[in-house]
Amino acid sequence: MTKNYPVKREHPRFNVDIRVAVSVADAKFDARTRDMSRAGVCLVAEQPIARETEISLELVLTFGETGTSEPLKMIGRVAWCTALFGSYQIGVKFVKMDDDRERYLNMFVGFLDGTLAPGDALPSDDDAGAAETDADDPFAA
């Protein structure tokens, strides 16, 4: 029997160690990421989470010694969970993605892939149709 494996993932993964606050029903605990993409995240945690469980995630990037990002708050569904040397590796797919969450996730991943730096921001939807700045306009920034 031949298995067909996908040639390439839709979204690249970034190997990154980020602290994550995880909420499952009434339980809350900390985990770490192993890797992350625009589609989901691989967590390493001390406790297992059952497949198909919906969870809330809060991820915070650290910049240098003291800088941190605003928390990225995501909803995910557990795709798989396996034991890993006394802890658990948990694959989570992001779900319930509205425009604001998708926009913030893209900015967050932009920091990971190097296309954004702290202090940069993605252009807003309002900026997309903005006209060129008039040099004679006293209110132009």
N, C-alpha and C. Protein backbone atom coordinates (compact mmCIF):
# COMPACT_ATOMS: atom_id res chain seq x y z
N MET A 1 0.84 -1.17 0.00
CA MET A 1 0.00 0.00 0.00
C MET A 1 0.89 1.24 0.00
N THR A 2 0.58 2.18 -0.87
CA THR A 2 1.36 3.41 -0.99
C THR A 2 0.64 4.55 -0.29
N LYS A 3 1.38 5.31 0.50
CA LYS A 3 0.80 6.47 1.18
C LYS A 3 1.19 7.72 0.41
N ASN A 4 0.25 8.61 0.25
CA ASN A 4 0.51 9.89 -0.38
C ASN A 4 0.68 10.95 0.69
N TYR A 5 1.86 11.49 0.80
CA TYR A 5 2.13 12.53 1.77
C TYR A 5 2.16 13.88 1.07
N PRO A 6 1.68 14.93 1.74
CA PRO A 6 1.73 16.25 1.11
C PRO A 6 3.18 16.64 0.83
N VAL A 7 3.39 17.27 -0.31
CA VAL A 7 4.73 17.67 -0.70
C VAL A 7 5.20 18.86 0.14
N LYS A 8 4.31 19.83 0.34
CA LYS A 8 4.70 21.03 1.04
C LYS A 8 3.52 21.53 1.86
N ARG A 9 3.80 22.06 3.04
CA ARG A 9 2.75 22.64 3.87
C ARG A 9 2.30 23.96 3.27
N GLU A 10 1.05 24.30 3.53
CA GLU A 10 0.51 25.56 3.04
C GLU A 10 1.21 26.76 3.69
N HIS A 11 1.53 26.64 4.98
CA HIS A 11 2.18 27.72 5.71
C HIS A 11 3.48 27.21 6.32
N PRO A 12 4.57 27.96 6.17
CA PRO A 12 5.83 27.50 6.76
C PRO A 12 5.78 27.52 8.29
N ARG A 13 6.49 26.59 8.89
CA ARG A 13 6.61 26.53 10.35
C ARG A 13 7.85 27.31 10.78
N PHE A 14 7.76 27.89 11.96
CA PHE A 14 8.90 28.59 12.55
C PHE A 14 9.21 27.93 13.87
N ASN A 15 10.44 27.42 14.01
CA ASN A 15 10.87 26.84 15.28
C ASN A 15 11.06 27.99 16.26
N VAL A 16 10.20 28.04 17.26
CA VAL A 16 10.24 29.16 18.19
C VAL A 16 9.74 28.70 19.56
N ASP A 17 10.41 29.18 20.59
CA ASP A 17 10.06 28.85 21.97
C ASP A 17 9.36 30.05 22.59
N ILE A 18 8.03 29.98 22.69
CA ILE A 18 7.22 31.07 23.21
C ILE A 18 6.41 30.55 24.38
N ARG A 19 6.31 31.36 25.43
CA ARG A 19 5.45 31.01 26.56
C ARG A 19 3.99 31.15 26.12
N VAL A 20 3.17 30.17 26.49
CA VAL A 20 1.76 30.18 26.11
C VAL A 20 0.91 29.91 27.34
N ALA A 21 -0.08 30.76 27.58
CA ALA A 21 -1.08 30.49 28.61
C ALA A 21 -2.21 29.73 27.92
N VAL A 22 -2.51 28.54 28.42
CA VAL A 22 -3.51 27.67 27.82
C VAL A 22 -4.71 27.57 28.76
N SER A 23 -5.92 27.70 28.19
CA SER A 23 -7.15 27.51 28.96
C SER A 23 -7.96 26.41 28.30
N VAL A 24 -8.31 25.41 29.10
CA VAL A 24 -9.12 24.29 28.65
C VAL A 24 -10.28 24.17 29.65
N ALA A 25 -11.49 24.46 29.20
CA ALA A 25 -12.65 24.46 30.11
C ALA A 25 -12.32 25.38 31.28
N ASP A 26 -12.29 24.86 32.50
CA ASP A 26 -12.00 25.68 33.68
C ASP A 26 -10.53 25.62 34.09
N ALA A 27 -9.73 24.81 33.43
CA ALA A 27 -8.32 24.66 33.79
C ALA A 27 -7.45 25.64 33.02
N LYS A 28 -6.43 26.17 33.69
CA LYS A 28 -5.46 27.05 33.04
C LYS A 28 -4.07 26.55 33.42
N PHE A 29 -3.16 26.55 32.42
CA PHE A 29 -1.78 26.15 32.68
C PHE A 29 -0.87 26.77 31.63
N ASP A 30 0.42 26.75 31.91
CA ASP A 30 1.41 27.28 30.97
C ASP A 30 1.98 26.15 30.14
N ALA A 31 2.35 26.49 28.91
CA ALA A 31 3.02 25.57 28.00
C ALA A 31 4.06 26.38 27.24
N ARG A 32 4.81 25.72 26.39
CA ARG A 32 5.79 26.36 25.51
C ARG A 32 5.51 25.91 24.09
N THR A 33 5.87 26.74 23.12
CA THR A 33 5.73 26.31 21.74
C THR A 33 6.99 25.56 21.31
N ARG A 34 6.82 24.66 20.39
CA ARG A 34 7.95 24.00 19.72
C ARG A 34 8.13 24.64 18.36
N ASP A 35 6.98 24.85 17.68
CA ASP A 35 6.98 25.57 16.41
C ASP A 35 5.60 26.18 16.20
N MET A 36 5.54 27.07 15.20
CA MET A 36 4.30 27.80 14.95
C MET A 36 4.21 28.16 13.48
N SER A 37 2.97 28.22 12.97
CA SER A 37 2.73 28.69 11.61
C SER A 37 1.45 29.52 11.63
N ARG A 38 1.06 30.01 10.47
CA ARG A 38 -0.21 30.75 10.39
C ARG A 38 -1.41 29.83 10.60
N ALA A 39 -1.22 28.53 10.48
CA ALA A 39 -2.33 27.57 10.61
C ALA A 39 -2.47 27.02 12.02
N GLY A 40 -1.38 26.99 12.79
CA GLY A 40 -1.46 26.39 14.12
C GLY A 40 -0.14 26.42 14.84
N VAL A 41 -0.08 25.64 15.91
CA VAL A 41 1.08 25.66 16.79
C VAL A 41 1.29 24.27 17.37
N CYS A 42 2.54 23.94 17.64
CA CYS A 42 2.87 22.71 18.35
C CYS A 42 3.29 23.13 19.76
N LEU A 43 2.57 22.63 20.75
CA LEU A 43 2.85 22.96 22.15
C LEU A 43 3.57 21.82 22.84
N VAL A 44 4.33 22.16 23.87
CA VAL A 44 4.88 21.17 24.79
C VAL A 44 4.34 21.55 26.16
N ALA A 45 3.62 20.60 26.79
CA ALA A 45 2.97 20.86 28.07
C ALA A 45 3.16 19.68 29.02
N GLU A 46 2.92 19.93 30.29
CA GLU A 46 3.06 18.89 31.31
C GLU A 46 1.86 17.94 31.36
N GLN A 47 0.72 18.37 30.79
CA GLN A 47 -0.47 17.53 30.82
C GLN A 47 -1.02 17.35 29.42
N PRO A 48 -1.66 16.20 29.18
CA PRO A 48 -2.23 15.95 27.86
C PRO A 48 -3.55 16.70 27.67
N ILE A 49 -3.92 16.90 26.42
CA ILE A 49 -5.23 17.46 26.08
C ILE A 49 -5.81 16.54 25.01
N ALA A 50 -7.05 16.13 25.20
CA ALA A 50 -7.67 15.18 24.28
C ALA A 50 -7.88 15.79 22.89
N ARG A 51 -7.78 14.94 21.86
CA ARG A 51 -8.05 15.37 20.48
C ARG A 51 -9.43 15.99 20.39
N GLU A 52 -9.57 16.96 19.49
CA GLU A 52 -10.82 17.66 19.21
C GLU A 52 -11.25 18.63 20.31
N THR A 53 -10.44 18.78 21.36
CA THR A 53 -10.77 19.72 22.43
C THR A 53 -10.50 21.14 21.95
N GLU A 54 -11.45 22.04 22.19
CA GLU A 54 -11.24 23.45 21.86
C GLU A 54 -10.55 24.12 23.03
N ILE A 55 -9.48 24.88 22.74
CA ILE A 55 -8.71 25.53 23.79
C ILE A 55 -8.47 27.00 23.43
N SER A 56 -8.21 27.81 24.46
CA SER A 56 -7.82 29.20 24.27
C SER A 56 -6.33 29.32 24.52
N LEU A 57 -5.66 30.11 23.69
CA LEU A 57 -4.22 30.29 23.79
C LEU A 57 -3.89 31.77 23.88
N GLU A 58 -2.88 32.10 24.68
CA GLU A 58 -2.37 33.46 24.75
C GLU A 58 -0.86 33.38 24.61
N LEU A 59 -0.34 33.86 23.45
CA LEU A 59 1.09 33.79 23.16
C LEU A 59 1.70 35.17 23.27
N VAL A 60 2.90 35.25 23.86
CA VAL A 60 3.59 36.53 24.03
C VAL A 60 5.03 36.38 23.53
N LEU A 61 5.40 37.21 22.54
CA LEU A 61 6.79 37.23 22.06
C LEU A 61 7.65 38.07 22.99
N THR A 62 8.92 37.71 23.13
CA THR A 62 9.87 38.49 23.91
C THR A 62 10.90 39.09 22.97
N PHE A 63 11.16 40.39 23.15
CA PHE A 63 12.15 41.11 22.34
C PHE A 63 13.26 41.58 23.26
N GLY A 64 14.47 41.02 23.08
CA GLY A 64 15.60 41.43 23.91
C GLY A 64 15.37 41.04 25.36
N GLU A 65 15.92 41.85 26.27
CA GLU A 65 15.85 41.55 27.70
C GLU A 65 14.51 41.92 28.32
N THR A 66 13.89 43.01 27.86
CA THR A 66 12.71 43.50 28.57
C THR A 66 11.47 43.69 27.71
N GLY A 67 11.58 43.65 26.40
CA GLY A 67 10.43 43.92 25.54
C GLY A 67 9.57 42.71 25.30
N THR A 68 8.26 42.91 25.26
CA THR A 68 7.33 41.84 24.94
C THR A 68 6.25 42.37 24.00
N SER A 69 5.64 41.46 23.28
CA SER A 69 4.53 41.83 22.40
C SER A 69 3.24 41.84 23.21
N GLU A 70 2.22 42.43 22.61
CA GLU A 70 0.88 42.28 23.17
C GLU A 70 0.53 40.80 23.04
N PRO A 71 -0.28 40.26 23.94
CA PRO A 71 -0.65 38.84 23.82
C PRO A 71 -1.44 38.58 22.54
N LEU A 72 -1.09 37.51 21.85
CA LEU A 72 -1.86 37.03 20.70
C LEU A 72 -2.85 36.02 21.27
N LYS A 73 -4.13 36.35 21.23
CA LYS A 73 -5.17 35.48 21.80
C LYS A 73 -5.83 34.72 20.67
N MET A 74 -5.71 33.40 20.72
CA MET A 74 -6.22 32.54 19.65
C MET A 74 -7.09 31.44 20.24
N ILE A 75 -7.99 30.93 19.41
CA ILE A 75 -8.77 29.75 19.74
C ILE A 75 -8.23 28.62 18.86
N GLY A 76 -8.05 27.45 19.45
CA GLY A 76 -7.52 26.32 18.69
C GLY A 76 -8.27 25.04 18.99
N ARG A 77 -8.08 24.07 18.11
CA ARG A 77 -8.64 22.74 18.31
C ARG A 77 -7.48 21.76 18.26
N VAL A 78 -7.41 20.89 19.27
CA VAL A 78 -6.32 19.91 19.36
C VAL A 78 -6.48 18.88 18.25
N ALA A 79 -5.44 18.76 17.42
CA ALA A 79 -5.43 17.80 16.32
C ALA A 79 -4.81 16.47 16.75
N TRP A 80 -3.82 16.54 17.63
CA TRP A 80 -3.15 15.34 18.10
C TRP A 80 -2.40 15.65 19.40
N CYS A 81 -2.11 14.61 20.16
CA CYS A 81 -1.38 14.75 21.42
C CYS A 81 -0.59 13.47 21.64
N THR A 82 0.73 13.60 21.83
CA THR A 82 1.58 12.43 22.05
C THR A 82 2.49 12.66 23.25
N ALA A 83 2.78 11.58 23.96
CA ALA A 83 3.71 11.64 25.08
C ALA A 83 5.11 11.92 24.54
N LEU A 84 5.88 12.72 25.29
CA LEU A 84 7.22 13.10 24.84
C LEU A 84 8.12 13.30 26.05
N PHE A 85 8.89 12.28 26.41
CA PHE A 85 9.89 12.37 27.47
C PHE A 85 9.35 13.02 28.74
N GLY A 86 8.25 12.52 29.27
CA GLY A 86 7.70 13.02 30.52
C GLY A 86 6.77 14.21 30.39
N SER A 87 6.59 14.70 29.18
CA SER A 87 5.61 15.76 28.94
C SER A 87 4.80 15.37 27.70
N TYR A 88 4.08 16.32 27.14
CA TYR A 88 3.23 16.03 25.99
C TYR A 88 3.44 17.05 24.88
N GLN A 89 3.46 16.57 23.67
CA GLN A 89 3.54 17.41 22.48
C GLN A 89 2.12 17.46 21.90
N ILE A 90 1.61 18.69 21.68
CA ILE A 90 0.21 18.86 21.32
C ILE A 90 0.11 19.70 20.05
N GLY A 91 -0.48 19.15 19.01
CA GLY A 91 -0.69 19.88 17.77
C GLY A 91 -2.04 20.59 17.81
N VAL A 92 -2.02 21.89 17.60
CA VAL A 92 -3.23 22.70 17.69
C VAL A 92 -3.45 23.46 16.39
N LYS A 93 -4.65 23.33 15.83
CA LYS A 93 -5.02 24.09 14.64
C LYS A 93 -5.83 25.31 15.08
N PHE A 94 -5.46 26.50 14.56
CA PHE A 94 -6.21 27.70 14.89
C PHE A 94 -7.59 27.63 14.25
N VAL A 95 -8.63 28.01 15.01
CA VAL A 95 -10.00 28.03 14.52
C VAL A 95 -10.66 29.34 14.94
N LYS A 96 -11.86 29.57 14.44
CA LYS A 96 -12.63 30.77 14.78
C LYS A 96 -11.82 32.03 14.56
N MET A 97 -11.24 32.15 13.38
CA MET A 97 -10.36 33.26 13.05
C MET A 97 -11.15 34.38 12.39
N ASP A 98 -11.35 35.47 13.12
CA ASP A 98 -11.99 36.64 12.52
C ASP A 98 -10.91 37.51 11.88
N ASP A 99 -11.31 38.59 11.23
CA ASP A 99 -10.35 39.45 10.52
C ASP A 99 -9.30 40.04 11.46
N ASP A 100 -9.72 40.47 12.65
CA ASP A 100 -8.77 41.06 13.59
C ASP A 100 -7.73 40.04 14.06
N ARG A 101 -8.19 38.84 14.38
CA ARG A 101 -7.25 37.80 14.82
C ARG A 101 -6.29 37.42 13.69
N GLU A 102 -6.82 37.30 12.49
CA GLU A 102 -5.97 36.94 11.36
C GLU A 102 -4.92 38.02 11.11
N ARG A 103 -5.31 39.27 11.22
CA ARG A 103 -4.40 40.40 11.03
C ARG A 103 -3.30 40.39 12.09
N TYR A 104 -3.68 40.17 13.34
CA TYR A 104 -2.70 40.15 14.42
C TYR A 104 -1.79 38.92 14.31
N LEU A 105 -2.36 37.78 13.91
CA LEU A 105 -1.54 36.58 13.68
C LEU A 105 -0.51 36.85 12.59
N ASN A 106 -0.91 37.49 11.50
CA ASN A 106 0.03 37.81 10.42
C ASN A 106 1.14 38.72 10.92
N MET A 107 0.81 39.68 11.78
CA MET A 107 1.84 40.55 12.34
C MET A 107 2.78 39.74 13.24
N PHE A 108 2.20 38.88 14.07
CA PHE A 108 2.98 38.05 14.99
C PHE A 108 3.96 37.17 14.20
N VAL A 109 3.46 36.52 13.14
CA VAL A 109 4.32 35.66 12.30
C VAL A 109 5.33 36.52 11.55
N GLY A 110 4.98 37.74 11.21
CA GLY A 110 5.93 38.66 10.58
C GLY A 110 7.16 38.90 11.45
N PHE A 111 6.97 38.96 12.77
CA PHE A 111 8.11 39.09 13.67
C PHE A 111 8.96 37.83 13.62
N LEU A 112 8.31 36.66 13.51
CA LEU A 112 9.04 35.40 13.47
C LEU A 112 9.82 35.21 12.18
N ASP A 113 9.23 35.63 11.04
CA ASP A 113 9.93 35.42 9.77
C ASP A 113 10.84 36.57 9.38
N GLY A 114 10.88 37.62 10.21
CA GLY A 114 11.81 38.72 9.97
C GLY A 114 11.28 39.81 9.05
N THR A 115 10.04 39.72 8.59
CA THR A 115 9.51 40.77 7.72
C THR A 115 9.05 41.99 8.52
N LEU A 116 8.87 41.83 9.84
CA LEU A 116 8.54 42.95 10.72
C LEU A 116 9.52 42.98 11.88
N ALA A 117 9.73 44.17 12.41
CA ALA A 117 10.57 44.34 13.59
C ALA A 117 9.73 45.03 14.66
N PRO A 118 10.13 44.94 15.93
CA PRO A 118 9.37 45.64 16.97
C PRO A 118 9.20 47.11 16.59
N GLY A 119 7.98 47.61 16.74
CA GLY A 119 7.69 48.99 16.36
C GLY A 119 7.06 49.10 15.00
N ASP A 120 7.26 48.09 14.13
CA ASP A 120 6.60 48.08 12.82
C ASP A 120 5.14 47.69 13.02
N ALA A 121 4.33 48.02 12.05
CA ALA A 121 2.93 47.60 12.07
C ALA A 121 2.51 47.27 10.66
N LEU A 122 1.56 46.38 10.53
CA LEU A 122 1.01 46.09 9.23
C LEU A 122 0.12 47.25 8.82
N PRO A 123 0.05 47.57 7.53
CA PRO A 123 -0.87 48.62 7.11
C PRO A 123 -2.30 48.20 7.41
N SER A 124 -3.12 49.15 7.85
CA SER A 124 -4.51 48.84 8.13
C SER A 124 -5.29 48.82 6.84
N ASP A 125 -6.49 48.27 6.90
CA ASP A 125 -7.36 48.25 5.73
C ASP A 125 -7.67 49.67 5.28
N ASP A 126 -7.71 50.62 6.23
CA ASP A 126 -7.97 52.02 5.90
C ASP A 126 -6.84 52.60 5.06
N ASP A 127 -5.61 52.13 5.28
CA ASP A 127 -4.45 52.65 4.55
C ASP A 127 -4.42 52.17 3.10
N ALA A 128 -5.07 51.05 2.82
CA ALA A 128 -4.99 50.45 1.49
C ALA A 128 -5.52 51.37 0.41
N GLY A 129 -6.56 52.13 0.71
CA GLY A 129 -7.13 53.01 -0.31
C GLY A 129 -6.74 54.46 -0.12
N ALA A 130 -5.78 54.72 0.76
CA ALA A 130 -5.40 56.11 1.04
C ALA A 130 -4.74 56.74 -0.18
N ALA A 131 -5.09 57.99 -0.41
CA ALA A 131 -4.50 58.74 -1.53
C ALA A 131 -3.10 59.19 -1.15
N GLU A 132 -2.31 59.55 -2.14
CA GLU A 132 -0.98 60.08 -1.89
C GLU A 132 -1.08 61.34 -1.06
N THR A 133 -0.10 61.59 -0.20
CA THR A 133 -0.10 62.76 0.65
C THR A 133 0.18 64.00 -0.19
N ASP A 134 -0.62 65.02 0.03
CA ASP A 134 -0.45 66.30 -0.64
C ASP A 134 0.59 67.11 0.13
N ALA A 135 1.68 67.50 -0.50
CA ALA A 135 2.75 68.24 0.16
C ALA A 135 2.27 69.58 0.69
N ASP A 136 1.22 70.14 0.12
CA ASP A 136 0.69 71.43 0.57
C ASP A 136 -0.37 71.29 1.66
N ASP A 137 -0.73 70.09 2.03
CA ASP A 137 -1.77 69.87 3.05
C ASP A 137 -1.17 70.09 4.43
N PRO A 138 -1.64 71.11 5.18
CA PRO A 138 -1.07 71.39 6.51
C PRO A 138 -1.41 70.32 7.53
N PHE A 139 -2.38 69.43 7.24
CA PHE A 139 -2.79 68.40 8.18
C PHE A 139 -2.14 67.05 7.87
N ALA A 140 -1.39 66.96 6.78
CA ALA A 140 -0.74 65.72 6.42
C ALA A 140 0.40 65.45 7.39
N ALA A 141 0.56 64.22 7.74
CA ALA A 141 1.64 63.85 8.68
C ALA A 141 2.96 63.73 7.96
